[in-house]
């Protein structure tokens, strides 16, 4: 993704449904994740390919860790747990680390206490109840993308933006065009 700042990876602990893993890894590839990981998965990896129609593992590193003890992240990478906990930070209020790895819990459970201890941050999607792990992962990646300020601001009225965003070559800051300001 052009102009993306930093990097991110996303993974899941204890996943047990191949279709959910395939959906999540495909979404990670689509959102430009730098890597994907699993910790103690209980799936048939051949079956994951059925729902990962983009063959994502061929386009980004895919790490499979047998346990939390073997989990390795790049130096400087902050682990961000995604869990529906009362004291977790609401995702829309969260400032994403420049270098992050997001970890989701299993379908019918939570991140383990051991995994939560490793997390630098824990965020939650402000909803009434837990949702599908693939959908939750997509929401987290979308929030990261939107929070980077690479898109024109939302207008006050329904419809598309009224201002344009100019990106200078190799510059990662935003500028509103003078033409758009006059309208």
Protein backbone atom coordinates (compact mmCIF):
# COMPACT_ATOMS: atom_id res chain seq x y z
CA UNK A 1 0.00 0.00 0.00
CA UNK A 2 1.57 3.23 -1.11
CA UNK A 3 2.27 5.75 1.62
CA UNK A 4 1.60 3.32 4.45
CA UNK A 5 3.45 4.22 7.62
CA UNK A 6 5.22 1.57 9.66
CA UNK A 7 4.12 -2.02 9.37
CA UNK A 8 1.69 -4.42 10.96
CA UNK A 9 1.04 -8.08 11.27
CA UNK A 10 -2.02 -9.87 12.54
CA UNK A 11 -2.60 -13.28 14.00
CA UNK A 12 -4.80 -15.46 16.10
CA UNK A 13 -4.37 -17.67 19.14
CA UNK A 14 -6.07 -21.07 19.34
CA UNK A 15 -8.20 -20.80 16.20
CA UNK A 16 -10.21 -23.93 15.41
CA UNK A 17 -12.19 -23.18 12.23
CA UNK A 18 -10.43 -23.31 8.89
CA UNK A 19 -12.88 -20.95 7.16
CA UNK A 20 -12.35 -18.26 9.82
CA UNK A 21 -8.58 -18.52 9.50
CA UNK A 22 -8.77 -18.38 5.71
CA UNK A 23 -11.04 -15.34 5.86
CA UNK A 24 -8.75 -13.53 8.30
CA UNK A 25 -5.52 -14.25 6.42
CA UNK A 26 -7.15 -13.18 3.12
CA UNK A 27 -8.29 -9.91 4.74
CA UNK A 28 -4.77 -9.38 6.14
CA UNK A 29 -3.33 -9.76 2.66
CA UNK A 30 -5.93 -7.35 1.21
CA UNK A 31 -5.19 -4.70 3.86
CA UNK A 32 -1.44 -4.95 3.24
CA UNK A 33 -0.29 -6.80 6.35
CA UNK A 34 3.44 -7.42 6.49
CA UNK A 35 2.96 -10.84 8.06
CA UNK A 36 0.40 -13.22 9.53
CA UNK A 37 0.78 -15.62 12.45
CA UNK A 38 -1.02 -18.31 14.38
CA UNK A 39 -0.33 -19.48 17.92
CA UNK A 40 -1.43 -23.00 18.85
CA UNK A 41 -3.92 -23.39 16.00
CA UNK A 42 -6.20 -26.42 15.84
CA UNK A 43 -6.93 -26.46 12.11
CA UNK A 44 -6.15 -28.39 8.97
CA UNK A 45 -4.00 -25.93 7.02
CA UNK A 46 -4.96 -27.52 3.69
CA UNK A 47 -8.60 -26.68 4.39
CA UNK A 48 -7.71 -23.04 5.09
CA UNK A 49 -6.93 -22.60 1.38
CA UNK A 50 -10.60 -23.13 0.50
CA UNK A 51 -11.59 -19.80 2.06
CA UNK A 52 -8.30 -18.02 1.34
CA UNK A 53 -8.96 -17.65 -2.37
CA UNK A 54 -6.10 -15.15 -2.74
CA UNK A 55 -3.46 -17.74 -1.68
CA UNK A 56 -2.22 -15.17 0.82
CA UNK A 57 0.55 -17.30 2.30
CA UNK A 58 2.33 -17.03 -1.06
CA UNK A 59 2.30 -13.21 -0.82
CA UNK A 60 3.28 -12.50 2.79
CA UNK A 61 5.12 -14.38 5.52
CA UNK A 62 2.90 -16.78 7.47
CA UNK A 63 4.28 -17.90 10.83
CA UNK A 64 2.86 -20.81 12.79
CA UNK A 65 3.91 -20.96 16.46
CA UNK A 66 3.19 -24.07 18.48
CA UNK A 67 2.86 -22.12 21.73
CA UNK A 68 3.10 -18.66 23.25
CA UNK A 69 6.61 -19.53 24.40
CA UNK A 70 7.77 -19.77 20.78
CA UNK A 71 6.08 -16.55 19.58
CA UNK A 72 8.65 -14.16 18.08
CA UNK A 73 7.92 -10.68 16.81
CA UNK A 74 10.26 -8.19 15.11
CA UNK A 75 12.29 -5.90 17.38
CA UNK A 76 10.24 -2.84 18.33
CA UNK A 77 6.95 -4.45 17.34
CA UNK A 78 4.18 -3.89 19.92
CA UNK A 79 1.70 -6.68 20.51
CA UNK A 80 -1.90 -5.45 20.57
CA UNK A 81 -4.52 -7.83 21.94
CA UNK A 82 -8.04 -7.58 20.55
CA UNK A 83 -10.39 -8.74 23.27
CA UNK A 84 -13.85 -7.83 24.54
CA UNK A 85 -12.75 -6.78 28.06
CA UNK A 86 -14.28 -4.00 30.19
CA UNK A 87 -10.93 -2.22 30.68
CA UNK A 88 -9.77 -2.53 27.05
CA UNK A 89 -9.41 0.67 25.02
CA UNK A 90 -12.24 1.31 22.55
CA UNK A 91 -10.77 0.85 19.08
CA UNK A 92 -11.93 4.26 17.73
CA UNK A 93 -10.00 5.97 20.57
CA UNK A 94 -6.80 3.92 20.13
CA UNK A 95 -3.59 5.35 18.65
CA UNK A 96 -2.06 2.48 16.68
CA UNK A 97 1.66 1.82 17.19
CA UNK A 98 3.86 2.42 14.16
CA UNK A 99 5.06 -1.19 14.38
CA UNK A 100 2.27 -3.48 15.56
CA UNK A 101 1.15 -7.08 15.67
CA UNK A 102 -2.53 -7.57 16.45
CA UNK A 103 -3.61 -10.84 18.03
CA UNK A 104 -7.16 -12.16 18.11
CA UNK A 105 -8.58 -14.85 20.36
CA UNK A 106 -10.23 -18.11 19.27
CA UNK A 107 -13.79 -18.33 18.02
CA UNK A 108 -15.41 -19.62 21.20
CA UNK A 109 -13.07 -18.18 23.78
CA UNK A 110 -10.69 -15.44 24.78
CA UNK A 111 -7.03 -14.65 24.52
CA UNK A 112 -5.22 -16.68 27.14
CA UNK A 113 -4.02 -14.92 30.32
CA UNK A 114 -0.45 -15.68 29.16
CA UNK A 115 -1.05 -13.93 25.83
CA UNK A 116 -2.68 -10.93 27.52
CA UNK A 117 0.43 -10.54 29.72
CA UNK A 118 2.55 -10.20 26.57
CA UNK A 119 0.34 -7.48 25.09
CA UNK A 120 1.51 -3.88 25.19
CA UNK A 121 -2.09 -2.76 24.60
CA UNK A 122 -5.55 -4.37 24.60
CA UNK A 123 -8.32 -2.93 22.45
CA UNK A 124 -11.97 -3.80 21.98
CA UNK A 125 -14.45 -3.11 19.25
CA UNK A 126 -17.29 -1.21 20.95
CA UNK A 127 -20.18 -3.59 20.31
CA UNK A 128 -22.88 -5.30 22.35
CA UNK A 129 -21.23 -8.72 22.07
CA UNK A 130 -18.34 -10.55 20.40
CA UNK A 131 -18.34 -11.01 16.65
CA UNK A 132 -16.69 -13.41 14.19
CA UNK A 133 -12.89 -13.39 14.44
CA UNK A 134 -12.48 -12.66 10.72
CA UNK A 135 -14.85 -9.70 10.87
CA UNK A 136 -13.18 -8.38 14.03
CA UNK A 137 -9.75 -8.62 12.42
CA UNK A 138 -10.97 -6.76 9.31
CA UNK A 139 -12.39 -3.98 11.50
CA UNK A 140 -9.08 -3.58 13.35
CA UNK A 141 -7.11 -3.42 10.09
CA UNK A 142 -9.59 -0.94 8.60
CA UNK A 143 -9.33 1.25 11.70
CA UNK A 144 -5.53 1.23 11.38
CA UNK A 145 -5.80 2.26 7.74
CA UNK A 146 -8.27 5.08 8.43
CA UNK A 147 -6.32 6.36 11.45
CA UNK A 148 -3.21 6.98 9.36
CA UNK A 149 -4.77 10.07 7.79
CA UNK A 150 -4.03 9.12 4.20
CA UNK A 151 -7.55 9.89 3.02
CA UNK A 152 -9.42 13.15 2.65
CA UNK A 153 -11.42 14.09 5.75
CA UNK A 154 -15.05 13.05 5.88
CA UNK A 155 -17.43 15.82 4.85
CA UNK A 156 -20.01 17.26 7.23
CA UNK A 157 -22.81 16.30 4.82
CA UNK A 158 -23.61 12.96 3.16
CA UNK A 159 -21.51 12.11 0.14
CA UNK A 160 -17.89 12.05 -0.84
CA UNK A 161 -15.12 14.40 0.26
CA UNK A 162 -15.11 18.04 -0.79
CA UNK A 163 -11.37 18.37 -0.22
CA UNK A 164 -8.58 16.49 -1.94
CA UNK A 165 -5.51 15.04 -0.35
CA UNK A 166 -2.12 15.70 -1.92
CA UNK A 167 0.75 13.37 -1.09
CA UNK A 168 4.25 14.65 -1.78
CA UNK A 169 6.64 12.02 -3.14
CA UNK A 170 8.24 10.21 -0.21
CA UNK A 171 6.41 12.51 2.24
CA UNK A 172 3.94 11.06 4.66
CA UNK A 173 2.10 14.20 5.71
CA UNK A 174 -1.27 15.48 4.50
CA UNK A 175 -2.00 18.64 2.60
CA UNK A 176 -5.39 19.91 1.60
CA UNK A 177 -5.31 21.34 -1.92
CA UNK A 178 -5.84 25.07 -2.34
CA UNK A 179 -8.46 24.44 -4.99
CA UNK A 180 -10.54 22.37 -2.58
CA UNK A 181 -10.30 25.02 0.14
CA UNK A 182 -11.93 27.62 -2.12
CA UNK A 183 -15.09 25.56 -2.70
